[in-house]
């Protein structure tokens, strides 16, 4: 995916994998907070090259997701985005 849209509609989502090398836009990134059951967020910062090209998994638990969203909001505000 290149853009996050309408994530809040996936209220039963518990685990989310994002390949940050492919993600070009973080529009509505704050909608992650509306995922009622989100437990773990995996960010694929450096995909492992290989047959399956699996994500290099950074496991971010619920509290860390909140911190990530807060830091993103602060960055967005500081950069006038």
N, C-alpha and C. Protein backbone atom coordinates (compact mmCIF):
# COMPACT_ATOMS: atom_id res chain seq x y z
N UNK A 1 0.85 -1.19 0.00
CA UNK A 1 0.00 0.00 0.00
C UNK A 1 0.88 1.24 0.00
N UNK A 2 0.37 2.30 -0.56
CA UNK A 2 1.13 3.54 -0.58
C UNK A 2 0.50 4.59 0.31
N UNK A 3 -0.67 4.31 0.84
CA UNK A 3 -1.37 5.30 1.65
C UNK A 3 -2.31 4.59 2.62
N UNK A 4 -2.39 5.10 3.83
CA UNK A 4 -3.32 4.55 4.80
C UNK A 4 -4.64 5.30 4.69
N UNK A 5 -5.71 4.57 4.38
CA UNK A 5 -7.04 5.19 4.30
C UNK A 5 -8.05 4.32 5.03
N UNK A 6 -8.93 4.95 5.77
CA UNK A 6 -10.07 4.27 6.41
C UNK A 6 -9.69 3.08 7.28
N UNK A 7 -8.52 3.14 7.91
CA UNK A 7 -8.13 2.07 8.81
C UNK A 7 -9.11 1.91 9.96
N UNK A 8 -9.75 3.02 10.34
CA UNK A 8 -10.65 2.97 11.48
C UNK A 8 -11.84 2.03 11.25
N UNK A 9 -12.09 1.69 9.99
CA UNK A 9 -13.20 0.77 9.71
C UNK A 9 -12.85 -0.67 10.05
N UNK A 10 -11.58 -0.94 10.29
CA UNK A 10 -11.15 -2.30 10.63
C UNK A 10 -11.06 -2.45 12.14
N UNK A 11 -12.19 -2.29 12.81
CA UNK A 11 -12.19 -2.20 14.28
C UNK A 11 -11.75 -3.49 14.95
N UNK A 12 -11.85 -4.62 14.27
CA UNK A 12 -11.47 -5.89 14.89
C UNK A 12 -10.03 -6.30 14.59
N UNK A 13 -9.31 -5.43 13.91
CA UNK A 13 -7.92 -5.74 13.58
C UNK A 13 -7.07 -5.80 14.84
N UNK A 14 -6.33 -6.88 15.02
CA UNK A 14 -5.49 -7.04 16.20
C UNK A 14 -4.02 -6.85 15.88
N UNK A 15 -3.62 -7.23 14.68
CA UNK A 15 -2.21 -7.13 14.29
C UNK A 15 -2.13 -6.45 12.94
N UNK A 16 -1.21 -5.52 12.80
CA UNK A 16 -1.06 -4.79 11.54
C UNK A 16 0.40 -4.83 11.11
N UNK A 17 0.63 -5.22 9.87
CA UNK A 17 1.97 -5.23 9.30
C UNK A 17 2.06 -4.09 8.29
N UNK A 18 3.04 -3.24 8.44
CA UNK A 18 3.26 -2.16 7.49
C UNK A 18 4.69 -2.23 6.97
N UNK A 19 4.84 -2.20 5.66
CA UNK A 19 6.17 -2.13 5.06
C UNK A 19 6.47 -0.66 4.83
N UNK A 20 7.25 -0.09 5.72
CA UNK A 20 7.51 1.35 5.64
C UNK A 20 8.35 1.73 4.44
N UNK A 21 8.96 0.75 3.79
CA UNK A 21 9.70 1.05 2.57
C UNK A 21 8.76 1.30 1.40
N UNK A 22 7.54 0.79 1.49
CA UNK A 22 6.55 0.97 0.43
C UNK A 22 5.58 2.10 0.73
N UNK A 23 5.44 2.42 2.01
CA UNK A 23 4.47 3.43 2.43
C UNK A 23 5.00 4.82 2.08
N UNK A 24 4.30 5.52 1.22
CA UNK A 24 4.75 6.83 0.78
C UNK A 24 4.02 7.96 1.49
N UNK A 25 2.86 7.67 2.05
CA UNK A 25 2.06 8.70 2.68
C UNK A 25 1.47 8.16 3.97
N UNK A 26 1.48 8.98 5.01
CA UNK A 26 0.90 8.58 6.29
C UNK A 26 -0.36 9.38 6.57
N UNK A 27 -1.19 9.59 5.56
CA UNK A 27 -2.43 10.31 5.75
C UNK A 27 -3.32 9.54 6.72
N UNK A 28 -3.92 10.26 7.65
CA UNK A 28 -4.82 9.65 8.63
C UNK A 28 -4.16 8.57 9.46
N UNK A 29 -2.86 8.70 9.68
CA UNK A 29 -2.13 7.75 10.51
C UNK A 29 -2.73 7.68 11.91
N UNK A 30 -3.32 8.80 12.35
CA UNK A 30 -3.94 8.86 13.67
C UNK A 30 -5.11 7.90 13.78
N UNK A 31 -5.65 7.46 12.66
CA UNK A 31 -6.79 6.54 12.70
C UNK A 31 -6.43 5.21 13.35
N UNK A 32 -5.14 4.94 13.50
CA UNK A 32 -4.73 3.72 14.20
C UNK A 32 -5.28 3.69 15.62
N UNK A 33 -5.46 4.86 16.22
CA UNK A 33 -5.98 4.90 17.58
C UNK A 33 -7.42 4.41 17.64
N UNK A 34 -8.11 4.43 16.52
CA UNK A 34 -9.51 4.01 16.50
C UNK A 34 -9.67 2.51 16.29
N UNK A 35 -8.55 1.82 16.11
CA UNK A 35 -8.62 0.37 15.98
C UNK A 35 -8.76 -0.21 17.38
N UNK A 36 -9.97 -0.55 17.74
CA UNK A 36 -10.30 -0.90 19.11
C UNK A 36 -9.50 -2.08 19.65
N UNK A 37 -9.17 -3.02 18.79
CA UNK A 37 -8.51 -4.23 19.26
C UNK A 37 -7.04 -4.32 18.85
N UNK A 38 -6.49 -3.25 18.30
CA UNK A 38 -5.10 -3.30 17.86
C UNK A 38 -4.19 -3.63 19.03
N UNK A 39 -3.47 -4.72 18.90
CA UNK A 39 -2.60 -5.17 19.98
C UNK A 39 -1.14 -4.99 19.60
N UNK A 40 -0.82 -5.31 18.37
CA UNK A 40 0.57 -5.25 17.93
C UNK A 40 0.64 -4.58 16.56
N UNK A 41 1.63 -3.73 16.39
CA UNK A 41 1.92 -3.11 15.10
C UNK A 41 3.31 -3.54 14.68
N UNK A 42 3.42 -4.14 13.52
CA UNK A 42 4.72 -4.53 12.99
C UNK A 42 5.10 -3.54 11.90
N UNK A 43 6.25 -2.91 12.05
CA UNK A 43 6.75 -2.01 11.01
C UNK A 43 7.90 -2.70 10.29
N UNK A 44 7.74 -2.89 8.99
CA UNK A 44 8.80 -3.52 8.21
C UNK A 44 9.79 -2.47 7.76
N UNK A 45 10.73 -2.14 8.63
CA UNK A 45 11.69 -1.09 8.31
C UNK A 45 12.69 -1.57 7.26
N UNK A 46 13.13 -2.80 7.39
CA UNK A 46 14.13 -3.35 6.47
C UNK A 46 13.73 -4.75 6.07
N UNK A 47 12.99 -4.88 4.97
CA UNK A 47 12.58 -6.22 4.57
C UNK A 47 13.79 -7.13 4.38
N UNK A 48 13.64 -8.37 4.83
CA UNK A 48 14.71 -9.34 4.68
C UNK A 48 14.67 -9.85 3.25
N UNK A 49 15.78 -9.73 2.55
CA UNK A 49 15.83 -10.25 1.19
C UNK A 49 15.88 -11.78 1.25
N UNK A 50 15.10 -12.41 0.44
CA UNK A 50 15.05 -13.86 0.42
C UNK A 50 13.86 -14.32 -0.38
N UNK A 51 13.59 -15.59 -0.30
CA UNK A 51 12.51 -16.15 -1.10
C UNK A 51 11.17 -15.47 -0.82
N UNK A 52 10.89 -15.24 0.46
CA UNK A 52 9.58 -14.70 0.81
C UNK A 52 9.61 -13.19 1.06
N UNK A 53 10.79 -12.61 1.09
CA UNK A 53 10.95 -11.18 1.38
C UNK A 53 10.11 -10.78 2.58
N UNK A 54 10.35 -11.46 3.69
CA UNK A 54 9.58 -11.20 4.90
C UNK A 54 10.00 -9.88 5.52
N UNK A 55 9.09 -9.35 6.35
CA UNK A 55 9.40 -8.13 7.08
C UNK A 55 10.46 -8.40 8.14
N UNK A 56 11.33 -7.43 8.33
CA UNK A 56 12.15 -7.41 9.54
C UNK A 56 11.22 -6.83 10.58
N UNK A 57 10.79 -7.63 11.52
CA UNK A 57 9.68 -7.24 12.38
C UNK A 57 10.12 -6.43 13.58
N UNK A 58 9.61 -5.23 13.66
CA UNK A 58 9.72 -4.42 14.87
C UNK A 58 8.37 -4.52 15.54
N UNK A 59 8.32 -5.23 16.64
CA UNK A 59 7.07 -5.50 17.35
C UNK A 59 6.77 -4.35 18.28
N UNK A 60 5.70 -3.64 18.02
CA UNK A 60 5.34 -2.48 18.83
C UNK A 60 4.04 -2.80 19.57
N UNK A 61 4.13 -2.94 20.89
CA UNK A 61 2.95 -3.26 21.69
C UNK A 61 2.05 -2.03 21.80
N UNK A 62 0.86 -2.25 22.36
CA UNK A 62 -0.17 -1.22 22.41
C UNK A 62 0.34 0.12 22.95
N UNK A 63 1.02 0.13 24.08
CA UNK A 63 1.51 1.39 24.66
C UNK A 63 2.51 2.07 23.73
N UNK A 64 3.32 1.28 23.07
CA UNK A 64 4.29 1.84 22.14
C UNK A 64 3.61 2.42 20.91
N UNK A 65 2.50 1.83 20.50
CA UNK A 65 1.73 2.38 19.38
C UNK A 65 1.27 3.79 19.73
N UNK A 66 0.78 3.96 20.96
CA UNK A 66 0.33 5.28 21.40
C UNK A 66 1.47 6.29 21.37
N UNK A 67 2.65 5.88 21.82
CA UNK A 67 3.82 6.77 21.81
C UNK A 67 4.22 7.11 20.38
N UNK A 68 4.17 6.12 19.50
CA UNK A 68 4.50 6.34 18.10
C UNK A 68 3.57 7.37 17.47
N UNK A 69 2.27 7.22 17.74
CA UNK A 69 1.29 8.15 17.19
C UNK A 69 1.50 9.56 17.74
N UNK A 70 1.82 9.66 19.03
CA UNK A 70 2.06 10.97 19.63
C UNK A 70 3.28 11.64 19.01
N UNK A 71 4.35 10.87 18.82
CA UNK A 71 5.56 11.45 18.22
C UNK A 71 5.30 11.85 16.77
N UNK A 72 4.46 11.07 16.07
CA UNK A 72 4.11 11.42 14.69
C UNK A 72 3.33 12.72 14.65
N UNK A 73 2.36 12.86 15.57
CA UNK A 73 1.56 14.10 15.62
C UNK A 73 2.46 15.30 15.90
N UNK A 74 3.40 15.15 16.83
CA UNK A 74 4.32 16.25 17.16
C UNK A 74 5.18 16.61 15.95
N UNK A 75 5.68 15.59 15.25
CA UNK A 75 6.50 15.83 14.07
C UNK A 75 5.68 16.55 13.00
N UNK A 76 4.44 16.08 12.82
CA UNK A 76 3.56 16.67 11.81
C UNK A 76 3.29 18.14 12.14
N UNK A 77 3.04 18.43 13.42
CA UNK A 77 2.76 19.80 13.85
C UNK A 77 3.99 20.69 13.65
N UNK A 78 5.16 20.20 14.05
CA UNK A 78 6.39 20.98 13.95
C UNK A 78 6.77 21.26 12.50
N UNK A 79 6.41 20.37 11.61
CA UNK A 79 6.76 20.53 10.21
C UNK A 79 5.63 21.13 9.38
N UNK A 80 4.57 21.56 10.05
CA UNK A 80 3.47 22.23 9.36
C UNK A 80 2.78 21.39 8.32
N UNK A 81 2.70 20.10 8.56
CA UNK A 81 2.10 19.19 7.58
C UNK A 81 0.61 19.07 7.81
